Amino acid sequence: MTQTNPRTTRTLIGVHGMDRASGDRVAAALLAMPGVAKATPDDGQIEVHYDPSQHTIMDLIRTIRTQGFLAGML
């Protein structure tokens, strides 16, 4: 059984030009951040579950941009 952190917030971020293959790389970069519990990529977007006491949405977007993609809130 998986326990969910009650402080986790879900957000959906649009990622311009990201396909599923490159989405795995973006997800790995996000999951390397402390407080990111889950990152699920799809074509052109990624769903992220994170602890807002550790990161802002802009922190997540900056990490995505380091992987070479433009990103923003959906």
PDB file of N, CA and C in Angstrom:
ATOM      1  N   MET A   1       0.841  -1.176   0.000  1.00  0.00           N
ATOM      2  CA  MET A   1       0.000   0.000   0.000  1.00  0.00           C
ATOM      3  C   MET A   1       0.892   1.247   0.000  1.00  0.00           C
ATOM      4  N   THR A   2       0.558   2.211  -0.817  1.00  0.00           N
ATOM      5  CA  THR A   2       1.323   3.453  -0.912  1.00  0.00           C
ATOM      6  C   THR A   2       0.642   4.530  -0.099  1.00  0.00           C
ATOM      7  N   GLN A   3       1.409   5.198   0.740  1.00  0.00           N
ATOM      8  CA  GLN A   3       0.853   6.306   1.501  1.00  0.00           C
ATOM      9  C   GLN A   3       1.109   7.596   0.759  1.00  0.00           C
ATOM     10  N   THR A   4       0.120   8.472   0.782  1.00  0.00           N
ATOM     11  CA  THR A   4       0.238   9.762   0.122  1.00  0.00           C
ATOM     12  C   THR A   4       0.550  10.822   1.164  1.00  0.00           C
ATOM     13  N   ASN A   5       1.477  11.692   0.845  1.00  0.00           N
ATOM     14  CA  ASN A   5       1.825  12.792   1.731  1.00  0.00           C
ATOM     15  C   ASN A   5       0.702  13.826   1.673  1.00  0.00           C
ATOM     16  N   PRO A   6       0.091  14.154   2.816  1.00  0.00           N
ATOM     17  CA  PRO A   6      -1.027  15.107   2.787  1.00  0.00           C
ATOM     18  C   PRO A   6      -0.619  16.519   2.354  1.00  0.00           C
ATOM     19  N   ARG A   7       0.680  16.820   2.383  1.00  0.00           N
ATOM     20  CA  ARG A   7       1.139  18.146   1.960  1.00  0.00           C
ATOM     21  C   ARG A   7       1.420  18.222   0.468  1.00  0.00           C
ATOM     22  N   THR A   8       1.258  17.127  -0.238  1.00  0.00           N
ATOM     23  CA  THR A   8       1.560  17.106  -1.676  1.00  0.00           C
ATOM     24  C   THR A   8       0.482  17.831  -2.466  1.00  0.00           C
ATOM     25  N   THR A   9       0.923  18.661  -3.400  1.00  0.00           N
ATOM     26  CA  THR A   9       0.041  19.393  -4.298  1.00  0.00           C
ATOM     27  C   THR A   9       0.256  18.875  -5.712  1.00  0.00           C
ATOM     28  N   ARG A  10      -0.826  18.762  -6.461  1.00  0.00           N
ATOM     29  CA  ARG A  10      -0.760  18.311  -7.855  1.00  0.00           C
ATOM     30  C   ARG A  10      -0.855  19.513  -8.771  1.00  0.00           C
ATOM     31  N   THR A  11      -0.004  19.539  -9.788  1.00  0.00           N
ATOM     32  CA  THR A  11      -0.076  20.588 -10.799  1.00  0.00           C
ATOM     33  C   THR A  11       0.190  19.989 -12.177  1.00  0.00           C
ATOM     34  N   LEU A  12      -0.358  20.614 -13.182  1.00  0.00           N
ATOM     35  CA  LEU A  12      -0.154  20.196 -14.560  1.00  0.00           C
ATOM     36  C   LEU A  12       0.592  21.319 -15.275  1.00  0.00           C
ATOM     37  N   ILE A  13       1.745  20.984 -15.839  1.00  0.00           N
ATOM     38  CA  ILE A  13       2.599  21.977 -16.493  1.00  0.00           C
ATOM     39  C   ILE A  13       2.696  21.637 -17.980  1.00  0.00           C
ATOM     40  N   GLY A  14       2.454  22.629 -18.812  1.00  0.00           N
ATOM     41  CA  GLY A  14       2.615  22.460 -20.249  1.00  0.00           C
ATOM     42  C   GLY A  14       4.086  22.568 -20.621  1.00  0.00           C
ATOM     43  N   VAL A  15       4.544  21.661 -21.472  1.00  0.00           N
ATOM     44  CA  VAL A  15       5.948  21.646 -21.881  1.00  0.00           C
ATOM     45  C   VAL A  15       5.991  21.620 -23.405  1.00  0.00           C
ATOM     46  N   HIS A  16       6.388  22.744 -23.995  1.00  0.00           N
ATOM     47  CA  HIS A  16       6.398  22.899 -25.447  1.00  0.00           C
ATOM     48  C   HIS A  16       7.433  21.989 -26.091  1.00  0.00           C
ATOM     49  N   GLY A  17       6.990  21.148 -27.030  1.00  0.00           N
ATOM     50  CA  GLY A  17       7.892  20.305 -27.798  1.00  0.00           C
ATOM     51  C   GLY A  17       8.297  19.000 -27.137  1.00  0.00           C
ATOM     52  N   MET A  18       7.757  18.713 -25.957  1.00  0.00           N
ATOM     53  CA  MET A  18       8.125  17.484 -25.255  1.00  0.00           C
ATOM     54  C   MET A  18       7.249  16.326 -25.713  1.00  0.00           C
ATOM     55  N   ASP A  19       7.897  15.237 -26.114  1.00  0.00           N
ATOM     56  CA  ASP A  19       7.150  14.012 -26.415  1.00  0.00           C
ATOM     57  C   ASP A  19       7.355  13.031 -25.253  1.00  0.00           C
ATOM     58  N   ARG A  20       6.786  11.859 -25.365  1.00  0.00           N
ATOM     59  CA  ARG A  20       6.873  10.911 -24.243  1.00  0.00           C
ATOM     60  C   ARG A  20       8.297  10.456 -23.962  1.00  0.00           C
ATOM     61  N   ALA A  21       9.093  10.281 -24.997  1.00  0.00           N
ATOM     62  CA  ALA A  21      10.479   9.830 -24.795  1.00  0.00           C
ATOM     63  C   ALA A  21      11.294  10.866 -24.021  1.00  0.00           C
ATOM     64  N   SER A  22      11.215  12.117 -24.439  1.00  0.00           N
ATOM     65  CA  SER A  22      11.958  13.157 -23.715  1.00  0.00           C
ATOM     66  C   SER A  22      11.294  13.476 -22.382  1.00  0.00           C
ATOM     67  N   GLY A  23      10.025  13.134 -22.265  1.00  0.00           N
ATOM     68  CA  GLY A  23       9.319  13.340 -20.995  1.00  0.00           C
ATOM     69  C   GLY A  23       9.915  12.537 -19.857  1.00  0.00           C
ATOM     70  N   ASP A  24      10.472  11.370 -20.173  1.00  0.00           N
ATOM     71  CA  ASP A  24      11.123  10.567 -19.136  1.00  0.00           C
ATOM     72  C   ASP A  24      12.332  11.296 -18.565  1.00  0.00           C
ATOM     73  N   ARG A  25      13.070  11.987 -19.419  1.00  0.00           N
ATOM     74  CA  ARG A  25      14.230  12.763 -18.969  1.00  0.00           C
ATOM     75  C   ARG A  25      13.795  13.931 -18.081  1.00  0.00           C
ATOM     76  N   VAL A  26      12.727  14.608 -18.485  1.00  0.00           N
ATOM     77  CA  VAL A  26      12.198  15.724 -17.698  1.00  0.00           C
ATOM     78  C   VAL A  26      11.678  15.216 -16.351  1.00  0.00           C
ATOM     79  N   ALA A  27      10.963  14.099 -16.364  1.00  0.00           N
ATOM     80  CA  ALA A  27      10.442  13.519 -15.122  1.00  0.00           C
ATOM     81  C   ALA A  27      11.580  13.161 -14.171  1.00  0.00           C
ATOM     82  N   ALA A  28      12.652  12.598 -14.702  1.00  0.00           N
ATOM     83  CA  ALA A  28      13.798  12.234 -13.867  1.00  0.00           C
ATOM     84  C   ALA A  28      14.415  13.472 -13.211  1.00  0.00           C
ATOM     85  N   ALA A  29      14.509  14.564 -13.955  1.00  0.00           N
ATOM     86  CA  ALA A  29      15.064  15.803 -13.394  1.00  0.00           C
ATOM     87  C   ALA A  29      14.173  16.328 -12.272  1.00  0.00           C
ATOM     88  N   LEU A  30      12.861  16.264 -12.466  1.00  0.00           N
ATOM     89  CA  LEU A  30      11.940  16.730 -11.426  1.00  0.00           C
ATOM     90  C   LEU A  30      11.992  15.817 -10.205  1.00  0.00           C
ATOM     91  N   LEU A  31      12.036  14.516 -10.425  1.00  0.00           N
ATOM     92  CA  LEU A  31      12.066  13.572  -9.309  1.00  0.00           C
ATOM     93  C   LEU A  31      13.356  13.663  -8.496  1.00  0.00           C
ATOM     94  N   ALA A  32      14.403  14.223  -9.081  1.00  0.00           N
ATOM     95  CA  ALA A  32      15.658  14.423  -8.358  1.00  0.00           C
ATOM     96  C   ALA A  32      15.555  15.570  -7.354  1.00  0.00           C
ATOM     97  N   MET A  33      14.512  16.380  -7.469  1.00  0.00           N
ATOM     98  CA  MET A  33      14.312  17.494  -6.550  1.00  0.00           C
ATOM     99  C   MET A  33      13.690  16.975  -5.250  1.00  0.00           C
ATOM    100  N   PRO A  34      14.233  17.351  -4.085  1.00  0.00           N
ATOM    101  CA  PRO A  34      13.611  16.938  -2.827  1.00  0.00           C
ATOM    102  C   PRO A  34      12.179  17.481  -2.764  1.00  0.00           C
ATOM    103  N   GLY A  35      11.259  16.667  -2.311  1.00  0.00           N
ATOM    104  CA  GLY A  35       9.873  17.111  -2.175  1.00  0.00           C
ATOM    105  C   GLY A  35       8.993  16.815  -3.375  1.00  0.00           C
ATOM    106  N   VAL A  36       9.580  16.354  -4.486  1.00  0.00           N
ATOM    107  CA  VAL A  36       8.777  15.951  -5.639  1.00  0.00           C
ATOM    108  C   VAL A  36       8.501  14.460  -5.491  1.00  0.00           C
ATOM    109  N   ALA A  37       7.218  14.119  -5.345  1.00  0.00           N
ATOM    110  CA  ALA A  37       6.820  12.741  -5.083  1.00  0.00           C
ATOM    111  C   ALA A  37       6.523  11.961  -6.351  1.00  0.00           C
ATOM    112  N   LYS A  38       6.061  12.659  -7.394  1.00  0.00           N
ATOM    113  CA  LYS A  38       5.631  11.973  -8.607  1.00  0.00           C
ATOM    114  C   LYS A  38       5.719  12.938  -9.776  1.00  0.00           C
ATOM    115  N   ALA A  39       6.143  12.436 -10.934  1.00  0.00           N
ATOM    116  CA  ALA A  39       6.175  13.229 -12.163  1.00  0.00           C
ATOM    117  C   ALA A  39       5.784  12.300 -13.305  1.00  0.00           C
ATOM    118  N   THR A  40       4.638  12.579 -13.920  1.00  0.00           N
ATOM    119  CA  THR A  40       4.101  11.716 -14.968  1.00  0.00           C
ATOM    120  C   THR A  40       4.024  12.492 -16.283  1.00  0.00           C
ATOM    121  N   PRO A  41       4.921  12.175 -17.240  1.00  0.00           N
ATOM    122  CA  PRO A  41       4.923  12.908 -18.506  1.00  0.00           C
ATOM    123  C   PRO A  41       3.892  12.367 -19.494  1.00  0.00           C
ATOM    124  N   ASP A  42       3.453  13.236 -20.380  1.00  0.00           N
ATOM    125  CA  ASP A  42       2.599  12.892 -21.513  1.00  0.00           C
ATOM    126  C   ASP A  42       2.999  13.839 -22.634  1.00  0.00           C
ATOM    127  N   ASP A  43       2.460  13.659 -23.824  1.00  0.00           N
ATOM    128  CA  ASP A  43       2.808  14.548 -24.929  1.00  0.00           C
ATOM    129  C   ASP A  43       2.438  15.989 -24.585  1.00  0.00           C
ATOM    130  N   GLY A  44       3.436  16.859 -24.470  1.00  0.00           N
ATOM    131  CA  GLY A  44       3.210  18.281 -24.267  1.00  0.00           C
ATOM    132  C   GLY A  44       2.848  18.715 -22.866  1.00  0.00           C
ATOM    133  N   GLN A  45       2.860  17.800 -21.893  1.00  0.00           N
ATOM    134  CA  GLN A  45       2.539  18.195 -20.520  1.00  0.00           C
ATOM    135  C   GLN A  45       3.117  17.191 -19.536  1.00  0.00           C
ATOM    136  N   ILE A  46       3.220  17.633 -18.288  1.00  0.00           N
ATOM    137  CA  ILE A  46       3.681  16.738 -17.234  1.00  0.00           C
ATOM    138  C   ILE A  46       2.894  17.036 -15.958  1.00  0.00           C
ATOM    139  N   GLU A  47       2.441  15.990 -15.314  1.00  0.00           N
ATOM    140  CA  GLU A  47       1.726  16.108 -14.041  1.00  0.00           C
ATOM    141  C   GLU A  47       2.748  15.906 -12.925  1.00  0.00           C
ATOM    142  N   VAL A  48       2.787  16.851 -11.987  1.00  0.00           N
ATOM    143  CA  VAL A  48       3.778  16.802 -10.915  1.00  0.00           C
ATOM    144  C   VAL A  48       3.073  16.893  -9.567  1.00  0.00           C
ATOM    145  N   HIS A  49       3.443  15.990  -8.665  1.00  0.00           N
ATOM    146  CA  HIS A  49       2.979  16.024  -7.282  1.00  0.00           C
ATOM    147  C   HIS A  49       4.185  16.442  -6.441  1.00  0.00           C
ATOM    148  N   TYR A  50       4.063  17.550  -5.731  1.00  0.00           N
ATOM    149  CA  TYR A  50       5.207  18.099  -5.003  1.00  0.00           C
ATOM    150  C   TYR A  50       4.755  18.725  -3.694  1.00  0.00           C
ATOM    151  N   ASP A  51       5.724  18.932  -2.805  1.00  0.00           N
ATOM    152  CA  ASP A  51       5.475  19.564  -1.513  1.00  0.00           C
ATOM    153  C   ASP A  51       5.683  21.073  -1.672  1.00  0.00           C
ATOM    154  N   PRO A  52       4.603  21.865  -1.589  1.00  0.00           N
ATOM    155  CA  PRO A  52       4.738  23.312  -1.806  1.00  0.00           C
ATOM    156  C   PRO A  52       5.519  24.025  -0.700  1.00  0.00           C
ATOM    157  N   SER A  53       5.795  23.351   0.400  1.00  0.00           N
ATOM    158  CA  SER A  53       6.629  23.976   1.433  1.00  0.00           C
ATOM    159  C   SER A  53       8.113  23.911   1.044  1.00  0.00           C
ATOM    160  N   GLN A  54       8.426  23.099   0.029  1.00  0.00           N
ATOM    161  CA  GLN A  54       9.819  22.977  -0.421  1.00  0.00           C
ATOM    162  C   GLN A  54      10.080  23.661  -1.756  1.00  0.00           C
ATOM    163  N   HIS A  55       9.049  23.764  -2.610  1.00  0.00           N
ATOM    164  CA  HIS A  55       9.233  24.338  -3.947  1.00  0.00           C
ATOM    165  C   HIS A  55       8.011  25.142  -4.359  1.00  0.00           C
ATOM    166  N   THR A  56       8.256  26.096  -5.260  1.00  0.00           N
ATOM    167  CA  THR A  56       7.161  26.796  -5.929  1.00  0.00           C
ATOM    168  C   THR A  56       6.997  26.183  -7.318  1.00  0.00           C
ATOM    169  N   ILE A  57       5.923  26.536  -7.966  1.00  0.00           N
ATOM    170  CA  ILE A  57       5.725  26.066  -9.337  1.00  0.00           C
ATOM    171  C   ILE A  57       6.845  26.589 -10.233  1.00  0.00           C
ATOM    172  N   MET A  58       7.308  27.795  -9.965  1.00  0.00           N
ATOM    173  CA  MET A  58       8.412  28.341 -10.777  1.00  0.00           C
ATOM    174  C   MET A  58       9.684  27.515 -10.618  1.00  0.00           C
ATOM    175  N   ASP A  59       9.923  26.936  -9.437  1.00  0.00           N
ATOM    176  CA  ASP A  59      11.074  26.042  -9.269  1.00  0.00           C
ATOM    177  C   ASP A  59      10.957  24.847 -10.211  1.00  0.00           C
ATOM    178  N   LEU A  60       9.743  24.289 -10.304  1.00  0.00           N
ATOM    179  CA  LEU A  60       9.514  23.153 -11.192  1.00  0.00           C
ATOM    180  C   LEU A  60       9.731  23.555 -12.645  1.00  0.00           C
ATOM    181  N   ILE A  61       9.198  24.706 -13.024  1.00  0.00           N
ATOM    182  CA  ILE A  61       9.340  25.193 -14.397  1.00  0.00           C
ATOM    183  C   ILE A  61      10.811  25.452 -14.732  1.00  0.00           C
ATOM    184  N   ARG A  62      11.567  26.019 -13.797  1.00  0.00           N
ATOM    185  CA  ARG A  62      12.997  26.256 -14.042  1.00  0.00           C
ATOM    186  C   ARG A  62      13.739  24.943 -14.277  1.00  0.00           C
ATOM    187  N   THR A  63      13.383  23.917 -13.526  1.00  0.00           N
ATOM    188  CA  THR A  63      14.019  22.608 -13.703  1.00  0.00           C
ATOM    189  C   THR A  63      13.696  22.043 -15.078  1.00  0.00           C
ATOM    190  N   ILE A  64      12.460  22.196 -15.516  1.00  0.00           N
ATOM    191  CA  ILE A  64      12.079  21.735 -16.857  1.00  0.00           C
ATOM    192  C   ILE A  64      12.864  22.502 -17.915  1.00  0.00           C
ATOM    193  N   ARG A  65      13.033  23.792 -17.727  1.00  0.00           N
ATOM    194  CA  ARG A  65      13.778  24.610 -18.700  1.00  0.00           C
ATOM    195  C   ARG A  65      15.232  24.202 -18.785  1.00  0.00           C
ATOM    196  N   THR A  66      15.809  23.694 -17.683  1.00  0.00           N
ATOM    197  CA  THR A  66      17.212  23.226 -17.738  1.00  0.00           C
ATOM    198  C   THR A  66      17.345  22.006 -18.642  1.00  0.00           C
ATOM    199  N   GLN A  67      16.228  21.353 -18.931  1.00  0.00           N
ATOM    200  CA  GLN A  67      16.242  20.188 -19.822  1.00  0.00           C
ATOM    201  C   GLN A  67      16.021  20.599 -21.287  1.00  0.00           C
ATOM    202  N   GLY A  68      15.936  21.910 -21.531  1.00  0.00           N
ATOM    203  CA  GLY A  68      15.857  22.416 -22.899  1.00  0.00           C
ATOM    204  C   GLY A  68      14.451  22.655 -23.433  1.00  0.00           C
ATOM    205  N   PHE A  69      13.464  22.770 -22.551  1.00  0.00           N
ATOM    206  CA  PHE A  69      12.075  22.965 -22.978  1.00  0.00           C
ATOM    207  C   PHE A  69      11.497  24.247 -22.400  1.00  0.00           C
ATOM    208  N   LEU A  70      10.587  24.856 -23.137  1.00  0.00           N
ATOM    209  CA  LEU A  70       9.792  25.958 -22.617  1.00  0.00           C
ATOM    210  C   LEU A  70       8.630  25.350 -21.861  1.00  0.00           C
ATOM    211  N   ALA A  71       8.285  25.923 -20.719  1.00  0.00           N
ATOM    212  CA  ALA A  71       7.225  25.340 -19.892  1.00  0.00           C
ATOM    213  C   ALA A  71       6.428  26.441 -19.233  1.00  0.00           C
ATOM    214  N   GLY A  72       5.172  26.127 -18.894  1.00  0.00           N
ATOM    215  CA  GLY A  72       4.305  27.078 -18.210  1.00  0.00           C
ATOM    216  C   GLY A  72       3.044  26.376 -17.722  1.00  0.00           C
ATOM    217  N   MET A  73       2.306  27.058 -16.900  1.00  0.00           N
ATOM    218  CA  MET A  73       1.088  26.490 -16.328  1.00  0.00           C
ATOM    219  C   MET A  73       0.033  26.280 -17.398  1.00  0.00           C
ATOM    220  N   LEU A  74      -0.734  25.222 -17.244  1.00  0.00           N
ATOM    221  CA  LEU A  74      -1.874  24.959 -18.135  1.00  0.00           C
ATOM    222  C   LEU A  74      -3.130  25.462 -17.481  1.00  0.00           C
TER     223      LEU A  74
END
